């Protein structure tokens, strides 16, 4: 099953993304900040990371930099969903494959995930 990591400290947004992605057949794991996301990455091998920018302990830019600095994880595509820092992320196409500003249309984010990693196999 294709796994997606959703990283957001706003639980309502994380839950919205989790529900939409699971409905499409993805397995979804979550983390509430960048540091916890790195812990999850030691246990999981997600096909893609969806992250917020503004989070406690480690923001989305720092998380993306840490992922890309790890040779075992550097190929994982990262999508940023942010309310305030989309412009910063757009200046780093080396880190983010897509950037969505909050408020966002969940259908567009899910469509981007499917375009990047493909449709998950049906079980």
PDB file of N, CA and C in Angstrom:
ATOM      1  N   UNK A   1       0.839  -1.174   0.000  1.00  0.00           N
ATOM      2  CA  UNK A   1       0.000   0.000   0.000  1.00  0.00           C
ATOM      3  C   UNK A   1       0.890   1.245   0.000  1.00  0.00           C
ATOM      4  N   UNK A   2       0.536   2.238  -0.781  1.00  0.00           N
ATOM      5  CA  UNK A   2       1.300   3.479  -0.886  1.00  0.00           C
ATOM      6  C   UNK A   2       1.056   4.347   0.343  1.00  0.00           C
ATOM      7  N   UNK A   3       2.139   4.724   1.017  1.00  0.00           N
ATOM      8  CA  UNK A   3       2.042   5.511   2.244  1.00  0.00           C
ATOM      9  C   UNK A   3       2.367   6.970   1.985  1.00  0.00           C
ATOM     10  N   UNK A   4       1.559   7.845   2.577  1.00  0.00           N
ATOM     11  CA  UNK A   4       1.765   9.285   2.519  1.00  0.00           C
ATOM     12  C   UNK A   4       1.954   9.775   3.951  1.00  0.00           C
ATOM     13  N   UNK A   5       2.932  10.642   4.177  1.00  0.00           N
ATOM     14  CA  UNK A   5       3.148  11.267   5.479  1.00  0.00           C
ATOM     15  C   UNK A   5       2.569  12.670   5.446  1.00  0.00           C
ATOM     16  N   UNK A   6       1.612  12.956   6.336  1.00  0.00           N
ATOM     17  CA  UNK A   6       1.010  14.281   6.471  1.00  0.00           C
ATOM     18  C   UNK A   6       1.563  14.913   7.741  1.00  0.00           C
ATOM     19  N   UNK A   7       2.152  16.103   7.601  1.00  0.00           N
ATOM     20  CA  UNK A   7       2.772  16.803   8.727  1.00  0.00           C
ATOM     21  C   UNK A   7       2.090  18.154   8.891  1.00  0.00           C
ATOM     22  N   UNK A   8       1.338  18.309   9.980  1.00  0.00           N
ATOM     23  CA  UNK A   8       0.644  19.572  10.234  1.00  0.00           C
ATOM     24  C   UNK A   8       0.270  19.640  11.701  1.00  0.00           C
ATOM     25  N   UNK A   9       0.488  20.787  12.318  1.00  0.00           N
ATOM     26  CA  UNK A   9       0.131  20.951  13.722  1.00  0.00           C
ATOM     27  C   UNK A   9      -1.332  21.351  13.899  1.00  0.00           C
ATOM     28  N   UNK A  10      -2.021  21.643  12.812  1.00  0.00           N
ATOM     29  CA  UNK A  10      -3.457  21.923  12.862  1.00  0.00           C
ATOM     30  C   UNK A  10      -4.181  20.604  12.589  1.00  0.00           C
ATOM     31  N   UNK A  11      -4.727  20.030  13.660  1.00  0.00           N
ATOM     32  CA  UNK A  11      -5.295  18.688  13.558  1.00  0.00           C
ATOM     33  C   UNK A  11      -6.482  18.612  12.613  1.00  0.00           C
ATOM     34  N   UNK A  12      -7.276  19.668  12.505  1.00  0.00           N
ATOM     35  CA  UNK A  12      -8.409  19.634  11.586  1.00  0.00           C
ATOM     36  C   UNK A  12      -7.938  19.527  10.139  1.00  0.00           C
ATOM     37  N   UNK A  13      -6.892  20.246   9.797  1.00  0.00           N
ATOM     38  CA  UNK A  13      -6.360  20.166   8.435  1.00  0.00           C
ATOM     39  C   UNK A  13      -5.729  18.804   8.191  1.00  0.00           C
ATOM     40  N   UNK A  14      -4.967  18.321   9.162  1.00  0.00           N
ATOM     41  CA  UNK A  14      -4.366  16.988   9.020  1.00  0.00           C
ATOM     42  C   UNK A  14      -5.456  15.934   8.833  1.00  0.00           C
ATOM     43  N   UNK A  15      -6.501  16.006   9.642  1.00  0.00           N
ATOM     44  CA  UNK A  15      -7.594  15.032   9.529  1.00  0.00           C
ATOM     45  C   UNK A  15      -8.292  15.121   8.175  1.00  0.00           C
ATOM     46  N   UNK A  16      -8.479  16.326   7.668  1.00  0.00           N
ATOM     47  CA  UNK A  16      -9.101  16.513   6.357  1.00  0.00           C
ATOM     48  C   UNK A  16      -8.265  15.843   5.276  1.00  0.00           C
ATOM     49  N   UNK A  17      -6.959  16.068   5.307  1.00  0.00           N
ATOM     50  CA  UNK A  17      -6.076  15.448   4.318  1.00  0.00           C
ATOM     51  C   UNK A  17      -6.028  13.933   4.479  1.00  0.00           C
ATOM     52  N   UNK A  18      -5.957  13.471   5.712  1.00  0.00           N
ATOM     53  CA  UNK A  18      -5.929  12.021   5.971  1.00  0.00           C
ATOM     54  C   UNK A  18      -7.180  11.369   5.406  1.00  0.00           C
ATOM     55  N   UNK A  19      -8.342  11.922   5.723  1.00  0.00           N
ATOM     56  CA  UNK A  19      -9.603  11.343   5.241  1.00  0.00           C
ATOM     57  C   UNK A  19      -9.655  11.293   3.720  1.00  0.00           C
ATOM     58  N   UNK A  20      -9.275  12.397   3.077  1.00  0.00           N
ATOM     59  CA  UNK A  20      -9.336  12.453   1.613  1.00  0.00           C
ATOM     60  C   UNK A  20      -8.358  11.473   0.972  1.00  0.00           C
ATOM     61  N   UNK A  21      -7.161  11.367   1.517  1.00  0.00           N
ATOM     62  CA  UNK A  21      -6.164  10.458   0.956  1.00  0.00           C
ATOM     63  C   UNK A  21      -6.524   8.998   1.203  1.00  0.00           C
ATOM     64  N   UNK A  22      -7.027   8.704   2.401  1.00  0.00           N
ATOM     65  CA  UNK A  22      -7.450   7.322   2.682  1.00  0.00           C
ATOM     66  C   UNK A  22      -8.620   6.919   1.797  1.00  0.00           C
ATOM     67  N   UNK A  23      -9.501   7.857   1.501  1.00  0.00           N
ATOM     68  CA  UNK A  23     -10.634   7.567   0.613  1.00  0.00           C
ATOM     69  C   UNK A  23     -10.154   7.170  -0.782  1.00  0.00           C
ATOM     70  N   UNK A  24      -8.998   7.690  -1.182  1.00  0.00           N
ATOM     71  CA  UNK A  24      -8.413   7.344  -2.482  1.00  0.00           C
ATOM     72  C   UNK A  24      -7.616   6.045  -2.437  1.00  0.00           C
ATOM     73  N   UNK A  25      -7.453   5.476  -1.239  1.00  0.00           N
ATOM     74  CA  UNK A  25      -6.757   4.201  -1.119  1.00  0.00           C
ATOM     75  C   UNK A  25      -5.344   4.273  -0.586  1.00  0.00           C
ATOM     76  N   UNK A  26      -4.910   5.455  -0.165  1.00  0.00           N
ATOM     77  CA  UNK A  26      -3.568   5.591   0.405  1.00  0.00           C
ATOM     78  C   UNK A  26      -3.571   5.207   1.878  1.00  0.00           C
ATOM     79  N   UNK A  27      -2.447   4.747   2.346  1.00  0.00           N
ATOM     80  CA  UNK A  27      -2.201   4.579   3.784  1.00  0.00           C
ATOM     81  C   UNK A  27      -1.559   5.883   4.228  1.00  0.00           C
ATOM     82  N   UNK A  28      -2.053   6.469   5.298  1.00  0.00           N
ATOM     83  CA  UNK A  28      -1.560   7.775   5.721  1.00  0.00           C
ATOM     84  C   UNK A  28      -1.045   7.695   7.153  1.00  0.00           C
ATOM     85  N   UNK A  29       0.147   8.245   7.376  1.00  0.00           N
ATOM     86  CA  UNK A  29       0.711   8.402   8.705  1.00  0.00           C
ATOM     87  C   UNK A  29       0.859   9.899   8.937  1.00  0.00           C
ATOM     88  N   UNK A  30       0.844  10.318  10.201  1.00  0.00           N
ATOM     89  CA  UNK A  30       0.867  11.740  10.494  1.00  0.00           C
ATOM     90  C   UNK A  30       1.941  12.088  11.521  1.00  0.00           C
ATOM     91  N   UNK A  31       2.275  13.365  11.534  1.00  0.00           N
ATOM     92  CA  UNK A  31       3.157  13.945  12.546  1.00  0.00           C
ATOM     93  C   UNK A  31       2.713  15.386  12.740  1.00  0.00           C
ATOM     94  N   UNK A  32       2.861  15.884  13.971  1.00  0.00           N
ATOM     95  CA  UNK A  32       2.382  17.229  14.278  1.00  0.00           C
ATOM     96  C   UNK A  32       3.453  18.310  14.139  1.00  0.00           C
ATOM     97  N   UNK A  33       4.683  17.922  13.825  1.00  0.00           N
ATOM     98  CA  UNK A  33       5.735  18.906  13.564  1.00  0.00           C
ATOM     99  C   UNK A  33       6.880  18.214  12.830  1.00  0.00           C
ATOM    100  N   UNK A  34       7.853  19.018  12.410  1.00  0.00           N
ATOM    101  CA  UNK A  34       8.956  18.478  11.617  1.00  0.00           C
ATOM    102  C   UNK A  34       9.801  17.456  12.340  1.00  0.00           C
ATOM    103  N   UNK A  35      10.066  17.673  13.616  1.00  0.00           N
ATOM    104  CA  UNK A  35      10.879  16.705  14.366  1.00  0.00           C
ATOM    105  C   UNK A  35      10.185  15.358  14.465  1.00  0.00           C
ATOM    106  N   UNK A  36       8.884  15.384  14.749  1.00  0.00           N
ATOM    107  CA  UNK A  36       8.140  14.122  14.812  1.00  0.00           C
ATOM    108  C   UNK A  36       8.089  13.463  13.436  1.00  0.00           C
ATOM    109  N   UNK A  37       8.027  14.266  12.390  1.00  0.00           N
ATOM    110  CA  UNK A  37       8.031  13.714  11.038  1.00  0.00           C
ATOM    111  C   UNK A  37       9.334  12.961  10.766  1.00  0.00           C
ATOM    112  N   UNK A  38      10.460  13.513  11.215  1.00  0.00           N
ATOM    113  CA  UNK A  38      11.732  12.813  11.032  1.00  0.00           C
ATOM    114  C   UNK A  38      11.761  11.495  11.789  1.00  0.00           C
ATOM    115  N   UNK A  39      11.131  11.461  12.975  1.00  0.00           N
ATOM    116  CA  UNK A  39      11.017  10.200  13.718  1.00  0.00           C
ATOM    117  C   UNK A  39      10.185   9.191  12.932  1.00  0.00           C
ATOM    118  N   UNK A  40       9.089   9.653  12.343  1.00  0.00           N
ATOM    119  CA  UNK A  40       8.246   8.768  11.531  1.00  0.00           C
ATOM    120  C   UNK A  40       9.037   8.239  10.343  1.00  0.00           C
ATOM    121  N   UNK A  41       9.865   9.091   9.742  1.00  0.00           N
ATOM    122  CA  UNK A  41      10.653   8.677   8.581  1.00  0.00           C
ATOM    123  C   UNK A  41      11.681   7.599   8.913  1.00  0.00           C
ATOM    124  N   UNK A  42      12.042   7.449  10.181  1.00  0.00           N
ATOM    125  CA  UNK A  42      12.937   6.363  10.572  1.00  0.00           C
ATOM    126  C   UNK A  42      12.214   5.020  10.582  1.00  0.00           C
ATOM    127  N   UNK A  43      10.883   5.053  10.697  1.00  0.00           N
ATOM    128  CA  UNK A  43      10.082   3.826  10.785  1.00  0.00           C
ATOM    129  C   UNK A  43       9.319   3.524   9.505  1.00  0.00           C
ATOM    130  N   UNK A  44       9.015   4.550   8.754  1.00  0.00           N
ATOM    131  CA  UNK A  44       8.163   4.428   7.566  1.00  0.00           C
ATOM    132  C   UNK A  44       8.940   4.835   6.321  1.00  0.00           C
ATOM    133  N   UNK A  45       8.447   4.385   5.184  1.00  0.00           N
ATOM    134  CA  UNK A  45       9.023   4.783   3.899  1.00  0.00           C
ATOM    135  C   UNK A  45       7.903   5.358   3.027  1.00  0.00           C
ATOM    136  N   UNK A  46       7.487   6.588   3.321  1.00  0.00           N
ATOM    137  CA  UNK A  46       6.386   7.155   2.550  1.00  0.00           C
ATOM    138  C   UNK A  46       6.789   7.459   1.110  1.00  0.00           C
ATOM    139  N   UNK A  47       5.807   7.397   0.240  1.00  0.00           N
ATOM    140  CA  UNK A  47       6.035   7.733  -1.157  1.00  0.00           C
ATOM    141  C   UNK A  47       6.073   9.239  -1.358  1.00  0.00           C
ATOM    142  N   UNK A  48       5.498   9.986  -0.394  1.00  0.00           N
ATOM    143  CA  UNK A  48       5.398  11.439  -0.513  1.00  0.00           C
ATOM    144  C   UNK A  48       5.166  12.027   0.873  1.00  0.00           C
ATOM    145  N   UNK A  49       5.638  13.263   1.073  1.00  0.00           N
ATOM    146  CA  UNK A  49       5.389  13.996   2.312  1.00  0.00           C
ATOM    147  C   UNK A  49       4.574  15.236   1.964  1.00  0.00           C
ATOM    148  N   UNK A  50       3.498  15.430   2.700  1.00  0.00           N
ATOM    149  CA  UNK A  50       2.665  16.641   2.606  1.00  0.00           C
ATOM    150  C   UNK A  50       2.875  17.401   3.900  1.00  0.00           C
ATOM    151  N   UNK A  51       3.396  18.615   3.850  1.00  0.00           N
ATOM    152  CA  UNK A  51       3.711  19.317   5.086  1.00  0.00           C
ATOM    153  C   UNK A  51       3.220  20.753   5.106  1.00  0.00           C
ATOM    154  N   UNK A  52       2.939  21.221   6.299  1.00  0.00           N
ATOM    155  CA  UNK A  52       2.661  22.619   6.571  1.00  0.00           C
ATOM    156  C   UNK A  52       4.004  23.335   6.676  1.00  0.00           C
ATOM    157  N   UNK A  53       3.986  24.659   6.689  1.00  0.00           N
ATOM    158  CA  UNK A  53       5.221  25.418   6.893  1.00  0.00           C
ATOM    159  C   UNK A  53       5.389  25.807   8.357  1.00  0.00           C
ATOM    160  N   UNK A  54       4.432  26.549   8.884  1.00  0.00           N
ATOM    161  CA  UNK A  54       4.533  27.076  10.248  1.00  0.00           C
ATOM    162  C   UNK A  54       4.127  26.008  11.250  1.00  0.00           C
ATOM    163  N   UNK A  55       5.122  25.449  11.939  1.00  0.00           N
ATOM    164  CA  UNK A  55       4.892  24.429  12.964  1.00  0.00           C
ATOM    165  C   UNK A  55       5.908  24.631  14.073  1.00  0.00           C
ATOM    166  N   UNK A  56       5.585  24.175  15.281  1.00  0.00           N
ATOM    167  CA  UNK A  56       6.564  24.273  16.367  1.00  0.00           C
ATOM    168  C   UNK A  56       7.726  23.284  16.171  1.00  0.00           C
ATOM    169  N   UNK A  57       8.826  23.575  16.804  1.00  0.00           N
ATOM    170  CA  UNK A  57      10.030  22.738  16.862  1.00  0.00           C
ATOM    171  C   UNK A  57      10.821  22.698  15.559  1.00  0.00           C
ATOM    172  N   UNK A  58      10.176  22.472  14.445  1.00  0.00           N
ATOM    173  CA  UNK A  58      10.855  22.441  13.151  1.00  0.00           C
ATOM    174  C   UNK A  58       9.818  22.772  12.087  1.00  0.00           C
ATOM    175  N   UNK A  59      10.071  23.827  11.317  1.00  0.00           N
ATOM    176  CA  UNK A  59       9.075  24.201  10.306  1.00  0.00           C
ATOM    177  C   UNK A  59       9.209  23.360   9.036  1.00  0.00           C
ATOM    178  N   UNK A  60       8.306  23.600   8.104  1.00  0.00           N
ATOM    179  CA  UNK A  60       8.273  22.797   6.888  1.00  0.00           C
ATOM    180  C   UNK A  60       9.502  22.941   6.014  1.00  0.00           C
ATOM    181  N   UNK A  61      10.087  24.138   5.986  1.00  0.00           N
ATOM    182  CA  UNK A  61      11.312  24.346   5.211  1.00  0.00           C
ATOM    183  C   UNK A  61      12.469  23.561   5.823  1.00  0.00           C
ATOM    184  N   UNK A  62      12.606  23.631   7.145  1.00  0.00           N
ATOM    185  CA  UNK A  62      13.651  22.875   7.830  1.00  0.00           C
ATOM    186  C   UNK A  62      13.455  21.379   7.652  1.00  0.00           C
ATOM    187  N   UNK A  63      12.208  20.933   7.705  1.00  0.00           N
ATOM    188  CA  UNK A  63      11.908  19.515   7.487  1.00  0.00           C
ATOM    189  C   UNK A  63      12.330  19.095   6.084  1.00  0.00           C
ATOM    190  N   UNK A  64      11.947  19.881   5.085  1.00  0.00           N
ATOM    191  CA  UNK A  64      12.300  19.542   3.701  1.00  0.00           C
ATOM    192  C   UNK A  64      13.818  19.498   3.523  1.00  0.00           C
ATOM    193  N   UNK A  65      14.522  20.449   4.129  1.00  0.00           N
ATOM    194  CA  UNK A  65      15.976  20.458   4.033  1.00  0.00           C
ATOM    195  C   UNK A  65      16.580  19.208   4.679  1.00  0.00           C
ATOM    196  N   UNK A  66      16.034  18.800   5.825  1.00  0.00           N
ATOM    197  CA  UNK A  66      16.529  17.595   6.504  1.00  0.00           C
ATOM    198  C   UNK A  66      16.263  16.340   5.676  1.00  0.00           C
ATOM    199  N   UNK A  67      15.092  16.260   5.063  1.00  0.00           N
ATOM    200  CA  UNK A  67      14.762  15.096   4.230  1.00  0.00           C
ATOM    201  C   UNK A  67      15.711  15.031   3.032  1.00  0.00           C
ATOM    202  N   UNK A  68      15.892  16.149   2.360  1.00  0.00           N
ATOM    203  CA  UNK A  68      16.733  16.174   1.151  1.00  0.00           C
ATOM    204  C   UNK A  68      18.213  15.950   1.475  1.00  0.00           C
ATOM    205  N   UNK A  69      18.631  16.248   2.712  1.00  0.00           N
ATOM    206  CA  UNK A  69      20.023  16.038   3.114  1.00  0.00           C
ATOM    207  C   UNK A  69      20.328  14.578   3.431  1.00  0.00           C
ATOM    208  N   UNK A  70      19.288  13.766   3.597  1.00  0.00           N
ATOM    209  CA  UNK A  70      19.463  12.349   3.914  1.00  0.00           C
ATOM    210  C   UNK A  70      19.456  11.545   2.612  1.00  0.00           C
ATOM    211  N   UNK A  71      20.569  10.916   2.242  1.00  0.00           N
ATOM    212  CA  UNK A  71      20.626  10.188   0.974  1.00  0.00           C
ATOM    213  C   UNK A  71      19.557   9.097   0.840  1.00  0.00           C
ATOM    214  N   UNK A  72      19.136   8.513   1.952  1.00  0.00           N
ATOM    215  CA  UNK A  72      18.120   7.469   1.896  1.00  0.00           C
ATOM    216  C   UNK A  72      16.721   8.027   1.655  1.00  0.00           C
ATOM    217  N   UNK A  73      16.516   9.299   1.909  1.00  0.00           N
ATOM    218  CA  UNK A  73      15.186   9.915   1.811  1.00  0.00           C
ATOM    219  C   UNK A  73      15.117  11.053   0.798  1.00  0.00           C
ATOM    220  N   UNK A  74      16.237  11.406   0.204  1.00  0.00           N
ATOM    221  CA  UNK A  74      16.311  12.618  -0.624  1.00  0.00           C
ATOM    222  C   UNK A  74      15.406  12.603  -1.853  1.00  0.00           C
ATOM    223  N   UNK A  75      14.991  11.447  -2.293  1.00  0.00           N
ATOM    224  CA  UNK A  75      14.139  11.353  -3.488  1.00  0.00           C
ATOM    225  C   UNK A  75      12.641  11.457  -3.169  1.00  0.00           C
ATOM    226  N   UNK A  76      12.284  11.512  -1.879  1.00  0.00           N
ATOM    227  CA  UNK A  76      10.872  11.606  -1.510  1.00  0.00           C
ATOM    228  C   UNK A  76      10.338  12.973  -1.937  1.00  0.00           C
ATOM    229  N   UNK A  77       9.291  13.004  -2.760  1.00  0.00           N
ATOM    230  CA  UNK A  77       8.713  14.296  -3.136  1.00  0.00           C
ATOM    231  C   UNK A  77       7.986  14.923  -1.946  1.00  0.00           C
ATOM    232  N   UNK A  78       8.057  16.245  -1.862  1.00  0.00           N
ATOM    233  CA  UNK A  78       7.445  16.978  -0.764  1.00  0.00           C
ATOM    234  C   UNK A  78       6.517  18.045  -1.330  1.00  0.00           C
ATOM    235  N   UNK A  79       5.280  18.064  -0.828  1.00  0.00           N
ATOM    236  CA  UNK A  79       4.304  19.098  -1.170  1.00  0.00           C
ATOM    237  C   UNK A  79       4.115  19.957   0.064  1.00  0.00           C
ATOM    238  N   UNK A  80       4.149  21.273  -0.120  1.00  0.00           N
ATOM    239  CA  UNK A  80       3.907  22.193   0.984  1.00  0.00           C
ATOM    240  C   UNK A  80       2.497  22.746   0.879  1.00  0.00           C
ATOM    241  N   UNK A  81       1.793  22.743   2.003  1.00  0.00           N
ATOM    242  CA  UNK A  81       0.468  23.365   2.114  1.00  0.00           C
ATOM    243  C   UNK A  81       0.611  24.394   3.226  1.00  0.00           C
ATOM    244  N   UNK A  82       0.553  25.691   2.869  1.00  0.00           N
ATOM    245  CA  UNK A  82       0.872  26.720   3.849  1.00  0.00           C
ATOM    246  C   UNK A  82      -0.071  27.903   3.775  1.00  0.00           C
ATOM    247  N   UNK A  83      -0.317  28.491   4.941  1.00  0.00           N
ATOM    248  CA  UNK A  83      -1.173  29.665   4.994  1.00  0.00           C
ATOM    249  C   UNK A  83      -0.409  30.959   4.787  1.00  0.00           C
ATOM    250  N   UNK A  84       0.870  30.966   5.061  1.00  0.00           N
ATOM    251  CA  UNK A  84       1.576  32.233   5.041  1.00  0.00           C
ATOM    252  C   UNK A  84       2.910  32.216   4.308  1.00  0.00           C
ATOM    253  N   UNK A  85       3.505  31.072   4.119  1.00  0.00           N
ATOM    254  CA  UNK A  85       4.876  31.028   3.641  1.00  0.00           C
ATOM    255  C   UNK A  85       5.046  30.388   2.271  1.00  0.00           C
ATOM    256  N   UNK A  86       3.999  30.384   1.479  1.00  0.00           N
ATOM    257  CA  UNK A  86       4.091  29.772   0.160  1.00  0.00           C
ATOM    258  C   UNK A  86       5.171  30.379  -0.718  1.00  0.00           C
ATOM    259  N   UNK A  87       5.368  31.695  -0.611  1.00  0.00           N
ATOM    260  CA  UNK A  87       6.374  32.359  -1.448  1.00  0.00           C
ATOM    261  C   UNK A  87       7.776  31.853  -1.137  1.00  0.00           C
ATOM    262  N   UNK A  88       8.058  31.626   0.141  1.00  0.00           N
ATOM    263  CA  UNK A  88       9.373  31.088   0.519  1.00  0.00           C
ATOM    264  C   UNK A  88       9.576  29.717  -0.127  1.00  0.00           C
ATOM    265  N   UNK A  89       8.559  28.882  -0.053  1.00  0.00           N
ATOM    266  CA  UNK A  89       8.665  27.537  -0.621  1.00  0.00           C
ATOM    267  C   UNK A  89       8.806  27.575  -2.137  1.00  0.00           C
ATOM    268  N   UNK A  90       8.116  28.511  -2.785  1.00  0.00           N
ATOM    269  CA  UNK A  90       8.216  28.600  -4.242  1.00  0.00           C
ATOM    270  C   UNK A  90       9.633  28.986  -4.682  1.00  0.00           C
ATOM    271  N   UNK A  91      10.380  29.581  -3.798  1.00  0.00           N
ATOM    272  CA  UNK A  91      11.773  29.914  -4.096  1.00  0.00           C
ATOM    273  C   UNK A  91      12.703  28.724  -3.909  1.00  0.00           C
ATOM    274  N   UNK A  92      12.139  27.577  -3.530  1.00  0.00           N
ATOM    275  CA  UNK A  92      12.932  26.361  -3.311  1.00  0.00           C
ATOM    276  C   UNK A  92      12.348  25.175  -4.100  1.00  0.00           C
ATOM    277  N   UNK A  93      12.338  25.278  -5.434  1.00  0.00           N
ATOM    278  CA  UNK A  93      11.811  24.158  -6.222  1.00  0.00           C
ATOM    279  C   UNK A  93      12.650  22.895  -6.070  1.00  0.00           C
ATOM    280  N   UNK A  94      13.856  23.036  -5.533  1.00  0.00           N
ATOM    281  CA  UNK A  94      14.700  21.877  -5.262  1.00  0.00           C
ATOM    282  C   UNK A  94      14.174  21.080  -4.070  1.00  0.00           C
ATOM    283  N   UNK A  95      13.337  21.708  -3.239  1.00  0.00           N
ATOM    284  CA  UNK A  95      12.795  21.043  -2.053  1.00  0.00           C
ATOM    285  C   UNK A  95      11.345  20.605  -2.220  1.00  0.00           C
ATOM    286  N   UNK A  96      10.541  21.424  -2.903  1.00  0.00           N
ATOM    287  CA  UNK A  96       9.100  21.171  -2.979  1.00  0.00           C
ATOM    288  C   UNK A  96       8.655  20.949  -4.422  1.00  0.00           C
ATOM    289  N   UNK A  97       7.903  19.872  -4.640  1.00  0.00           N
ATOM    290  CA  UNK A  97       7.396  19.598  -5.990  1.00  0.00           C
ATOM    291  C   UNK A  97       6.139  20.397  -6.274  1.00  0.00           C
ATOM    292  N   UNK A  98       5.466  20.855  -5.227  1.00  0.00           N
ATOM    293  CA  UNK A  98       4.250  21.670  -5.385  1.00  0.00           C
ATOM    294  C   UNK A  98       4.018  22.452  -4.105  1.00  0.00           C
ATOM    295  N   UNK A  99       3.346  23.595  -4.246  1.00  0.00           N
ATOM    296  CA  UNK A  99       3.011  24.438  -3.109  1.00  0.00           C
ATOM    297  C   UNK A  99       1.543  24.845  -3.244  1.00  0.00           C
ATOM    298  N   UNK A 100       0.786  24.644  -2.171  1.00  0.00           N
ATOM    299  CA  UNK A 100      -0.614  25.051  -2.127  1.00  0.00           C
ATOM    300  C   UNK A 100      -0.807  26.001  -0.960  1.00  0.00           C
ATOM    301  N   UNK A 101      -1.483  27.112  -1.237  1.00  0.00           N
ATOM    302  CA  UNK A 101      -1.771  28.086  -0.198  1.00  0.00           C
ATOM    303  C   UNK A 101      -3.072  27.744   0.513  1.00  0.00           C
ATOM    304  N   UNK A 102      -3.073  27.930   1.842  1.00  0.00           N
ATOM    305  CA  UNK A 102      -4.300  27.766   2.617  1.00  0.00           C
ATOM    306  C   UNK A 102      -5.085  29.066   2.504  1.00  0.00           C
ATOM    307  N   UNK A 103      -6.393  29.014   2.352  1.00  0.00           N
ATOM    308  CA  UNK A 103      -7.189  27.797   2.248  1.00  0.00           C
ATOM    309  C   UNK A 103      -6.979  27.141   0.879  1.00  0.00           C
ATOM    310  N   UNK A 104      -7.024  25.829   0.877  1.00  0.00           N
ATOM    311  CA  UNK A 104      -6.776  25.072  -0.345  1.00  0.00           C
ATOM    312  C   UNK A 104      -7.976  24.186  -0.647  1.00  0.00           C
ATOM    313  N   UNK A 105      -8.031  23.754  -1.883  1.00  0.00           N
ATOM    314  CA  UNK A 105      -9.060  22.778  -2.284  1.00  0.00           C
ATOM    315  C   UNK A 105      -8.453  21.397  -2.113  1.00  0.00           C
ATOM    316  N   UNK A 106      -9.029  20.628  -1.222  1.00  0.00           N
ATOM    317  CA  UNK A 106      -8.476  19.305  -0.918  1.00  0.00           C
ATOM    318  C   UNK A 106      -8.408  18.439  -2.171  1.00  0.00           C
ATOM    319  N   UNK A 107      -9.362  18.611  -3.079  1.00  0.00           N
ATOM    320  CA  UNK A 107      -9.370  17.813  -4.315  1.00  0.00           C
ATOM    321  C   UNK A 107      -8.116  18.082  -5.144  1.00  0.00           C
ATOM    322  N   UNK A 108      -7.662  19.325  -5.170  1.00  0.00           N
ATOM    323  CA  UNK A 108      -6.458  19.661  -5.947  1.00  0.00           C
ATOM    324  C   UNK A 108      -5.208  19.053  -5.319  1.00  0.00           C
ATOM    325  N   UNK A 109      -5.139  19.075  -4.004  1.00  0.00           N
ATOM    326  CA  UNK A 109      -3.985  18.491  -3.328  1.00  0.00           C
ATOM    327  C   UNK A 109      -3.959  16.975  -3.565  1.00  0.00           C
ATOM    328  N   UNK A 110      -5.104  16.333  -3.411  1.00  0.00           N
ATOM    329  CA  UNK A 110      -5.180  14.881  -3.642  1.00  0.00           C
ATOM    330  C   UNK A 110      -4.833  14.563  -5.097  1.00  0.00           C
ATOM    331  N   UNK A 111      -5.321  15.360  -6.035  1.00  0.00           N
ATOM    332  CA  UNK A 111      -4.994  15.137  -7.446  1.00  0.00           C
ATOM    333  C   UNK A 111      -3.488  15.265  -7.683  1.00  0.00           C
ATOM    334  N   UNK A 112      -2.847  16.215  -7.005  1.00  0.00           N
ATOM    335  CA  UNK A 112      -1.389  16.368  -7.146  1.00  0.00           C
ATOM    336  C   UNK A 112      -0.657  15.155  -6.590  1.00  0.00           C
ATOM    337  N   UNK A 113      -1.122  14.653  -5.456  1.00  0.00           N
ATOM    338  CA  UNK A 113      -0.514  13.451  -4.874  1.00  0.00           C
ATOM    339  C   UNK A 113      -0.615  12.288  -5.860  1.00  0.00           C
ATOM    340  N   UNK A 114      -1.794  12.094  -6.422  1.00  0.00           N
ATOM    341  CA  UNK A 114      -2.002  11.003  -7.387  1.00  0.00           C
ATOM    342  C   UNK A 114      -1.129  11.197  -8.625  1.00  0.00           C
ATOM    343  N   UNK A 115      -1.012  12.441  -9.092  1.00  0.00           N
ATOM    344  CA  UNK A 115      -0.177  12.719 -10.271  1.00  0.00           C
ATOM    345  C   UNK A 115       1.283  12.389  -9.982  1.00  0.00           C
ATOM    346  N   UNK A 116       1.741  12.669  -8.770  1.00  0.00           N
ATOM    347  CA  UNK A 116       3.156  12.466  -8.419  1.00  0.00           C
ATOM    348  C   UNK A 116       3.478  11.009  -8.119  1.00  0.00           C
ATOM    349  N   UNK A 117       2.629  10.335  -7.319  1.00  0.00           N
ATOM    350  CA  UNK A 117       2.967   8.963  -6.912  1.00  0.00           C
ATOM    351  C   UNK A 117       2.122   7.895  -7.586  1.00  0.00           C
ATOM    352  N   UNK A 118       1.090   8.307  -8.306  1.00  0.00           N
ATOM    353  CA  UNK A 118       0.229   7.338  -8.964  1.00  0.00           C
ATOM    354  C   UNK A 118      -0.935   6.919  -8.090  1.00  0.00           C
ATOM    355  N   UNK A 119      -1.873   6.260  -8.684  1.00  0.00           N
ATOM    356  CA  UNK A 119      -3.032   5.756  -7.970  1.00  0.00           C
ATOM    357  C   UNK A 119      -2.616   4.526  -7.166  1.00  0.00           C
ATOM    358  N   UNK A 120      -2.986   4.488  -5.883  1.00  0.00           N
ATOM    359  CA  UNK A 120      -2.590   3.321  -5.097  1.00  0.00           C
ATOM    360  C   UNK A 120      -3.292   2.065  -5.588  1.00  0.00           C
ATOM    361  N   UNK A 121      -2.621   0.914  -5.504  1.00  0.00           N
ATOM    362  CA  UNK A 121      -3.261  -0.344  -5.890  1.00  0.00           C
ATOM    363  C   UNK A 121      -4.460  -0.627  -4.986  1.00  0.00           C
ATOM    364  N   UNK A 122      -5.505  -1.101  -5.573  1.00  0.00           N
ATOM    365  CA  UNK A 122      -6.703  -1.439  -4.812  1.00  0.00           C
ATOM    366  C   UNK A 122      -6.533  -2.799  -4.151  1.00  0.00           C
ATOM    367  N   UNK A 123      -6.933  -2.845  -2.875  1.00  0.00           N
ATOM    368  CA  UNK A 123      -6.816  -4.117  -2.147  1.00  0.00           C
ATOM    369  C   UNK A 123      -8.147  -4.817  -2.066  1.00  0.00           C
TER     370      UNK A 123
END
